[in-house]
Amino acid sequence: MRIEIRTDAIFARFGAAIDMMSANARQEMARGLARGGEKLRTPVRRALKEQTSVKRYGTIVANTRGWRDASALTYTIEASGKGLPLSEFPHKASRSKRLALRWSAKEHWRLQKRDGSGRFGVLPGMNDTGVSATMWMKKRGFVRSFVHPQRGPLMQRVAGKKGMRKIYGPSLPKELTIGRTAQTFQRLARSIVMDEIEKRLARLMPK
């Protein structure tokens, strides 16, 4: 997500004063851009936290950054990483003994049916919700999910097989450019950033 300062609007307002002090004007524009970008970054991060339902604001801060390109007069807000693990969101695990047994490494055989020869068959399919989590401001249940004693909340890859995979939630790079976060950026970018730039340029105007 990037803020691009359009110099034609700036020059149209401050005209001759900028022509006379072009070096100082550009420097002040860059400083105003940096300051305004830093101010804008905070509400964008807060909107991103609310939109994704991440528990800790620190998670958002750790996975986003903002920087100014003085030569291009742009300020960029960027998010990195892939989908966040379930542990980053408010979540709750079922205490069902059946679910605990179903995913037990030592006792899952108790749920397997035997054939006529007494041999165990595959683990039965199960669509029960073992773990639920709040993501995108809504509580969601995950079928075939459970809590692994060492690896945390997991989801079975395919019913009847041993393979497991972690449950992941929203991807911050994607969420940064859509929904409430994008709306916050669009709504505040001009008022916060442009006001900061114009305030600094006004200081260069002749008294």
C-alpha atoms as a PDB file:
ATOM      1  CA  MET A   1       0.000   0.000   0.000  1.00  0.00           C
ATOM      2  CA  ARG A   2       1.604   3.266  -1.051  1.00  0.00           C
ATOM      3  CA  ILE A   3       0.931   6.967  -0.669  1.00  0.00           C
ATOM      4  CA  GLU A   4       2.008   8.955  -3.707  1.00  0.00           C
ATOM      5  CA  ILE A   5       2.315  12.699  -3.315  1.00  0.00           C
ATOM      6  CA  ARG A   6       1.204  14.485  -6.465  1.00  0.00           C
ATOM      7  CA  THR A   7       3.403  17.550  -6.717  1.00  0.00           C
ATOM      8  CA  ASP A   8       1.153  19.359  -9.201  1.00  0.00           C
ATOM      9  CA  ALA A   9      -1.449  19.976  -6.479  1.00  0.00           C
ATOM     10  CA  ILE A  10       1.233  21.192  -4.071  1.00  0.00           C
ATOM     11  CA  PHE A  11       2.814  23.541  -6.589  1.00  0.00           C
ATOM     12  CA  ALA A  12      -0.563  24.891  -7.625  1.00  0.00           C
ATOM     13  CA  ARG A  13      -1.214  26.044  -4.091  1.00  0.00           C
ATOM     14  CA  PHE A  14       2.193  27.383  -3.134  1.00  0.00           C
ATOM     15  CA  GLY A  15       3.313  28.487  -6.610  1.00  0.00           C
ATOM     16  CA  ALA A  16       6.094  31.067  -6.710  1.00  0.00           C
ATOM     17  CA  ALA A  17       7.273  30.478  -3.156  1.00  0.00           C
ATOM     18  CA  ILE A  18       8.234  26.917  -4.025  1.00  0.00           C
ATOM     19  CA  ASP A  19       9.907  28.029  -7.262  1.00  0.00           C
ATOM     20  CA  MET A  20      12.114  30.394  -5.278  1.00  0.00           C
ATOM     21  CA  MET A  21      13.016  27.805  -2.660  1.00  0.00           C
ATOM     22  CA  SER A  22      12.734  24.549  -4.591  1.00  0.00           C
ATOM     23  CA  ALA A  23      15.497  22.722  -2.691  1.00  0.00           C
ATOM     24  CA  ASN A  24      14.103  23.662   0.697  1.00  0.00           C
ATOM     25  CA  ALA A  25      10.560  22.994  -0.455  1.00  0.00           C
ATOM     26  CA  ARG A  26      11.354  19.480  -1.605  1.00  0.00           C
ATOM     27  CA  GLN A  27      13.170  18.771   1.636  1.00  0.00           C
ATOM     28  CA  GLU A  28      10.202  19.977   3.678  1.00  0.00           C
ATOM     29  CA  MET A  29       7.834  17.924   1.533  1.00  0.00           C
ATOM     30  CA  ALA A  30       9.935  14.821   2.231  1.00  0.00           C
ATOM     31  CA  ARG A  31       9.949  15.567   5.963  1.00  0.00           C
ATOM     32  CA  GLY A  32       6.208  16.153   6.005  1.00  0.00           C
ATOM     33  CA  LEU A  33       5.682  12.936   4.079  1.00  0.00           C
ATOM     34  CA  ALA A  34       7.730  10.974   6.616  1.00  0.00           C
ATOM     35  CA  ARG A  35       5.916  12.484   9.579  1.00  0.00           C
ATOM     36  CA  GLY A  36       2.476  12.124   7.992  1.00  0.00           C
ATOM     37  CA  GLY A  37       3.209   8.550   6.944  1.00  0.00           C
ATOM     38  CA  GLU A  38       4.185   7.627  10.490  1.00  0.00           C
ATOM     39  CA  LYS A  39       0.945   9.144  11.802  1.00  0.00           C
ATOM     40  CA  LEU A  40      -1.111   7.285   9.201  1.00  0.00           C
ATOM     41  CA  ARG A  41       0.604   3.968   9.868  1.00  0.00           C
ATOM     42  CA  THR A  42      -0.897   3.697  13.372  1.00  0.00           C
ATOM     43  CA  PRO A  43      -4.629   3.844  12.421  1.00  0.00           C
ATOM     44  CA  VAL A  44      -3.913   1.521   9.480  1.00  0.00           C
ATOM     45  CA  ARG A  45      -2.342  -1.003  11.849  1.00  0.00           C
ATOM     46  CA  ARG A  46      -5.241  -0.699  14.281  1.00  0.00           C
ATOM     47  CA  ALA A  47      -7.741  -1.272  11.480  1.00  0.00           C
ATOM     48  CA  LEU A  48      -5.754  -4.311  10.359  1.00  0.00           C
ATOM     49  CA  LYS A  49      -5.852  -5.767  13.867  1.00  0.00           C
ATOM     50  CA  GLU A  50      -9.611  -5.265  14.118  1.00  0.00           C
ATOM     51  CA  GLN A  51     -10.251  -6.610  10.622  1.00  0.00           C
ATOM     52  CA  THR A  52      -8.303  -9.832  11.168  1.00  0.00           C
ATOM     53  CA  SER A  53      -9.184 -10.297  14.882  1.00  0.00           C
ATOM     54  CA  VAL A  54      -5.527 -10.875  15.827  1.00  0.00           C
ATOM     55  CA  LYS A  55      -5.177 -10.937  19.624  1.00  0.00           C
ATOM     56  CA  ARG A  56      -2.063  -8.798  20.047  1.00  0.00           C
ATOM     57  CA  TYR A  57      -1.320  -5.445  18.427  1.00  0.00           C
ATOM     58  CA  GLY A  58       2.346  -6.418  18.687  1.00  0.00           C
ATOM     59  CA  THR A  59       1.749  -9.139  16.089  1.00  0.00           C
ATOM     60  CA  ILE A  60       0.595  -6.508  13.611  1.00  0.00           C
ATOM     61  CA  VAL A  61       3.549  -4.224  14.391  1.00  0.00           C
ATOM     62  CA  ALA A  62       6.033  -7.078  13.981  1.00  0.00           C
ATOM     63  CA  ASN A  63       4.667  -7.951  10.543  1.00  0.00           C
ATOM     64  CA  THR A  64       4.207  -4.448   9.079  1.00  0.00           C
ATOM     65  CA  ARG A  65       6.549  -1.580   8.354  1.00  0.00           C
ATOM     66  CA  GLY A  66       6.499   1.853   6.781  1.00  0.00           C
ATOM     67  CA  TRP A  67       9.223   3.819   5.050  1.00  0.00           C
ATOM     68  CA  ARG A  68       9.733   6.976   3.029  1.00  0.00           C
ATOM     69  CA  ASP A  69      11.422   7.281  -0.355  1.00  0.00           C
ATOM     70  CA  ALA A  70      12.543  10.921  -0.342  1.00  0.00           C
ATOM     71  CA  SER A  71      13.624  10.899  -3.984  1.00  0.00           C
ATOM     72  CA  ALA A  72      10.285   9.612  -5.259  1.00  0.00           C
ATOM     73  CA  LEU A  73       8.286  11.414  -2.553  1.00  0.00           C
ATOM     74  CA  THR A  74       6.382   8.282  -1.573  1.00  0.00           C
ATOM     75  CA  TYR A  75       5.642   6.628   1.731  1.00  0.00           C
ATOM     76  CA  THR A  76       4.959   2.889   1.719  1.00  0.00           C
ATOM     77  CA  ILE A  77       3.148   0.763   4.292  1.00  0.00           C
ATOM     78  CA  GLU A  78       3.860  -2.934   3.792  1.00  0.00           C
ATOM     79  CA  ALA A  79       2.887  -6.199   5.474  1.00  0.00           C
ATOM     80  CA  SER A  80       4.937  -9.383   5.280  1.00  0.00           C
ATOM     81  CA  GLY A  81       4.538 -13.075   5.974  1.00  0.00           C
ATOM     82  CA  LYS A  82       1.973 -15.720   5.143  1.00  0.00           C
ATOM     83  CA  GLY A  83      -1.185 -16.713   6.959  1.00  0.00           C
ATOM     84  CA  LEU A  84      -0.869 -16.308  10.729  1.00  0.00           C
ATOM     85  CA  PRO A  85      -1.102 -19.448  12.880  1.00  0.00           C
ATOM     86  CA  LEU A  86      -4.257 -20.108  14.864  1.00  0.00           C
ATOM     87  CA  SER A  87      -2.469 -19.325  18.131  1.00  0.00           C
ATOM     88  CA  GLU A  88      -2.416 -15.629  17.125  1.00  0.00           C
ATOM     89  CA  PHE A  89      -6.234 -15.477  17.332  1.00  0.00           C
ATOM     90  CA  PRO A  90      -8.719 -15.995  20.168  1.00  0.00           C
ATOM     91  CA  HIS A  91      -9.433 -19.724  20.054  1.00  0.00           C
ATOM     92  CA  LYS A  92     -11.012 -22.470  22.113  1.00  0.00           C
ATOM     93  CA  ALA A  93     -10.591 -26.237  22.012  1.00  0.00           C
ATOM     94  CA  SER A  94     -13.343 -28.755  22.665  1.00  0.00           C
ATOM     95  CA  ARG A  95     -12.961 -30.837  25.821  1.00  0.00           C
ATOM     96  CA  SER A  96     -14.830 -33.772  24.304  1.00  0.00           C
ATOM     97  CA  LYS A  97     -13.302 -37.072  25.450  1.00  0.00           C
ATOM     98  CA  ARG A  98     -14.231 -38.602  22.119  1.00  0.00           C
ATOM     99  CA  LEU A  99     -12.240 -35.983  20.234  1.00  0.00           C
ATOM    100  CA  ALA A 100      -9.309 -36.364  22.604  1.00  0.00           C
ATOM    101  CA  LEU A 101      -9.374 -40.111  22.015  1.00  0.00           C
ATOM    102  CA  ARG A 102      -9.819 -39.723  18.272  1.00  0.00           C
ATOM    103  CA  TRP A 103      -6.507 -37.884  17.936  1.00  0.00           C
ATOM    104  CA  SER A 104      -4.572 -39.711  20.627  1.00  0.00           C
ATOM    105  CA  ALA A 105      -1.351 -41.171  19.251  1.00  0.00           C
ATOM    106  CA  LYS A 106      -1.641 -44.180  21.561  1.00  0.00           C
ATOM    107  CA  GLU A 107      -5.378 -44.816  21.841  1.00  0.00           C
ATOM    108  CA  HIS A 108      -6.919 -43.852  18.490  1.00  0.00           C
ATOM    109  CA  TRP A 109      -7.234 -47.562  17.684  1.00  0.00           C
ATOM    110  CA  ARG A 110     -10.174 -47.695  20.089  1.00  0.00           C
ATOM    111  CA  LEU A 111     -12.290 -45.946  17.468  1.00  0.00           C
ATOM    112  CA  GLN A 112     -11.220 -48.200  14.595  1.00  0.00           C
ATOM    113  CA  LYS A 113     -13.568 -50.975  13.578  1.00  0.00           C
ATOM    114  CA  ARG A 114     -12.209 -54.483  13.091  1.00  0.00           C
ATOM    115  CA  ASP A 115     -12.944 -56.587  10.038  1.00  0.00           C
ATOM    116  CA  GLY A 116     -13.981 -60.242  10.097  1.00  0.00           C
ATOM    117  CA  SER A 117     -10.405 -61.306  10.682  1.00  0.00           C
ATOM    118  CA  GLY A 118     -10.017 -58.998  13.634  1.00  0.00           C
ATOM    119  CA  ARG A 119      -7.796 -56.533  11.806  1.00  0.00           C
ATOM    120  CA  PHE A 120      -8.203 -52.798  12.418  1.00  0.00           C
ATOM    121  CA  GLY A 121      -9.555 -50.715   9.582  1.00  0.00           C
ATOM    122  CA  VAL A 122      -8.821 -47.062   8.807  1.00  0.00           C
ATOM    123  CA  LEU A 123      -9.727 -44.326  11.238  1.00  0.00           C
ATOM    124  CA  PRO A 124     -13.328 -43.261  10.641  1.00  0.00           C
ATOM    125  CA  GLY A 125     -14.107 -39.961   9.031  1.00  0.00           C
ATOM    126  CA  MET A 126     -15.139 -37.249  11.454  1.00  0.00           C
ATOM    127  CA  ASN A 127     -16.453 -33.749  10.840  1.00  0.00           C
ATOM    128  CA  ASP A 128     -16.704 -32.664  14.457  1.00  0.00           C
ATOM    129  CA  THR A 129     -15.395 -29.216  15.327  1.00  0.00           C
ATOM    130  CA  GLY A 130     -12.550 -29.645  17.773  1.00  0.00           C
ATOM    131  CA  VAL A 131     -11.148 -26.124  17.685  1.00  0.00           C
ATOM    132  CA  SER A 132     -12.966 -22.843  17.062  1.00  0.00           C
ATOM    133  CA  ALA A 133     -11.354 -19.446  16.578  1.00  0.00           C
ATOM    134  CA  THR A 134     -12.361 -15.851  15.974  1.00  0.00           C
ATOM    135  CA  MET A 135     -11.041 -14.620  12.617  1.00  0.00           C
ATOM    136  CA  TRP A 136     -12.279 -11.773  10.444  1.00  0.00           C
ATOM    137  CA  MET A 137     -14.414 -10.621  13.402  1.00  0.00           C
ATOM    138  CA  LYS A 138     -16.403 -13.862  13.400  1.00  0.00           C
ATOM    139  CA  LYS A 139     -16.185 -17.128  15.334  1.00  0.00           C
ATOM    140  CA  ARG A 140     -15.425 -20.094  13.083  1.00  0.00           C
ATOM    141  CA  GLY A 141     -15.262 -23.813  13.748  1.00  0.00           C
ATOM    142  CA  PHE A 142     -12.751 -26.116  12.052  1.00  0.00           C
ATOM    143  CA  VAL A 143     -13.841 -29.654  11.244  1.00  0.00           C
ATOM    144  CA  ARG A 144     -11.417 -32.519  11.934  1.00  0.00           C
ATOM    145  CA  SER A 145      -9.456 -30.155  14.148  1.00  0.00           C
ATOM    146  CA  PHE A 146      -7.901 -30.945  17.492  1.00  0.00           C
ATOM    147  CA  VAL A 147      -5.179 -29.890  19.924  1.00  0.00           C
ATOM    148  CA  HIS A 148      -1.876 -31.724  19.661  1.00  0.00           C
ATOM    149  CA  PRO A 149       0.009 -31.909  22.988  1.00  0.00           C
ATOM    150  CA  GLN A 150       3.298 -30.823  21.407  1.00  0.00           C
ATOM    151  CA  ARG A 151       2.395 -28.948  18.222  1.00  0.00           C
ATOM    152  CA  GLY A 152      -0.623 -26.964  19.407  1.00  0.00           C
ATOM    153  CA  PRO A 153      -3.935 -26.553  17.514  1.00  0.00           C
ATOM    154  CA  LEU A 154      -3.877 -28.678  14.358  1.00  0.00           C
ATOM    155  CA  MET A 155      -6.183 -29.905  11.636  1.00  0.00           C
ATOM    156  CA  GLN A 156      -6.156 -33.399  10.147  1.00  0.00           C
ATOM    157  CA  ARG A 157      -5.146 -33.289   6.473  1.00  0.00           C
ATOM    158  CA  VAL A 158      -7.450 -36.085   5.303  1.00  0.00           C
ATOM    159  CA  ALA A 159      -9.839 -38.161   7.388  1.00  0.00           C
ATOM    160  CA  GLY A 160      -8.458 -41.662   7.850  1.00  0.00           C
ATOM    161  CA  LYS A 161      -4.790 -40.692   7.349  1.00  0.00           C
ATOM    162  CA  LYS A 162      -1.985 -39.788   9.716  1.00  0.00           C
ATOM    163  CA  GLY A 163      -0.940 -36.554   7.980  1.00  0.00           C
ATOM    164  CA  MET A 164      -1.631 -33.346   9.907  1.00  0.00           C
ATOM    165  CA  ARG A 165      -1.277 -29.666   9.177  1.00  0.00           C
ATOM    166  CA  LYS A 166      -1.519 -26.513  11.233  1.00  0.00           C
ATOM    167  CA  ILE A 167      -4.497 -24.194  10.954  1.00  0.00           C
ATOM    168  CA  TYR A 168      -3.652 -20.771   9.546  1.00  0.00           C
ATOM    169  CA  GLY A 169      -5.708 -17.610   9.492  1.00  0.00           C
ATOM    170  CA  PRO A 170      -5.639 -14.326   7.540  1.00  0.00           C
ATOM    171  CA  SER A 171      -2.614 -13.259   5.518  1.00  0.00           C
ATOM    172  CA  LEU A 172      -1.618  -9.726   6.528  1.00  0.00           C
ATOM    173  CA  PRO A 173      -0.219  -8.719   3.081  1.00  0.00           C
ATOM    174  CA  LYS A 174      -3.598  -9.522   1.538  1.00  0.00           C
ATOM    175  CA  GLU A 175      -5.672  -8.025   4.351  1.00  0.00           C
ATOM    176  CA  LEU A 176      -3.699  -4.774   4.232  1.00  0.00           C
ATOM    177  CA  THR A 177      -5.162  -3.852   0.843  1.00  0.00           C
ATOM    178  CA  ILE A 178      -8.820  -4.755   1.366  1.00  0.00           C
ATOM    179  CA  GLY A 179     -11.769  -4.088   3.638  1.00  0.00           C
ATOM    180  CA  ARG A 180     -11.659  -1.873   6.704  1.00  0.00           C
ATOM    181  CA  THR A 181      -7.879  -1.421   6.479  1.00  0.00           C
ATOM    182  CA  ALA A 182      -7.947  -0.127   2.897  1.00  0.00           C
ATOM    183  CA  GLN A 183     -10.883   2.134   3.727  1.00  0.00           C
ATOM    184  CA  THR A 184      -8.987   3.599   6.675  1.00  0.00           C
ATOM    185  CA  PHE A 185      -6.001   4.271   4.459  1.00  0.00           C
ATOM    186  CA  GLN A 186      -8.072   5.972   1.773  1.00  0.00           C
ATOM    187  CA  ARG A 187     -10.056   8.013   4.291  1.00  0.00           C
ATOM    188  CA  LEU A 188      -7.100   9.341   6.257  1.00  0.00           C
ATOM    189  CA  ALA A 189      -4.232   9.476   3.767  1.00  0.00           C
ATOM    190  CA  ARG A 190      -4.983  12.925   2.404  1.00  0.00           C
ATOM    191  CA  SER A 191      -6.046  14.576   5.645  1.00  0.00           C
ATOM    192  CA  ILE A 192      -3.112  13.285   7.697  1.00  0.00           C
ATOM    193  CA  VAL A 193      -0.258  13.240   5.166  1.00  0.00           C
ATOM    194  CA  MET A 194      -1.155  16.210   3.010  1.00  0.00           C
ATOM    195  CA  ASP A 195      -1.916  18.376   6.029  1.00  0.00           C
ATOM    196  CA  GLU A 196       1.519  17.609   7.427  1.00  0.00           C
ATOM    197  CA  ILE A 197       3.200  18.515   4.122  1.00  0.00           C
ATOM    198  CA  GLU A 198       1.225  21.707   3.627  1.00  0.00           C
ATOM    199  CA  LYS A 199       1.952  22.760   7.197  1.00  0.00           C
ATOM    200  CA  ARG A 200       5.687  22.500   6.551  1.00  0.00           C
ATOM    201  CA  LEU A 201       5.525  24.255   3.193  1.00  0.00           C
ATOM    202  CA  ALA A 202       3.563  27.099   4.731  1.00  0.00           C
ATOM    203  CA  ARG A 203       6.584  27.888   6.896  1.00  0.00           C
ATOM    204  CA  LEU A 204       8.560  28.698   3.727  1.00  0.00           C
ATOM    205  CA  MET A 205       6.027  31.236   2.517  1.00  0.00           C
ATOM    206  CA  PRO A 206       7.113  34.905   2.768  1.00  0.00           C
ATOM    207  CA  LYS A 207       5.704  36.673   5.807  1.00  0.00           C
END
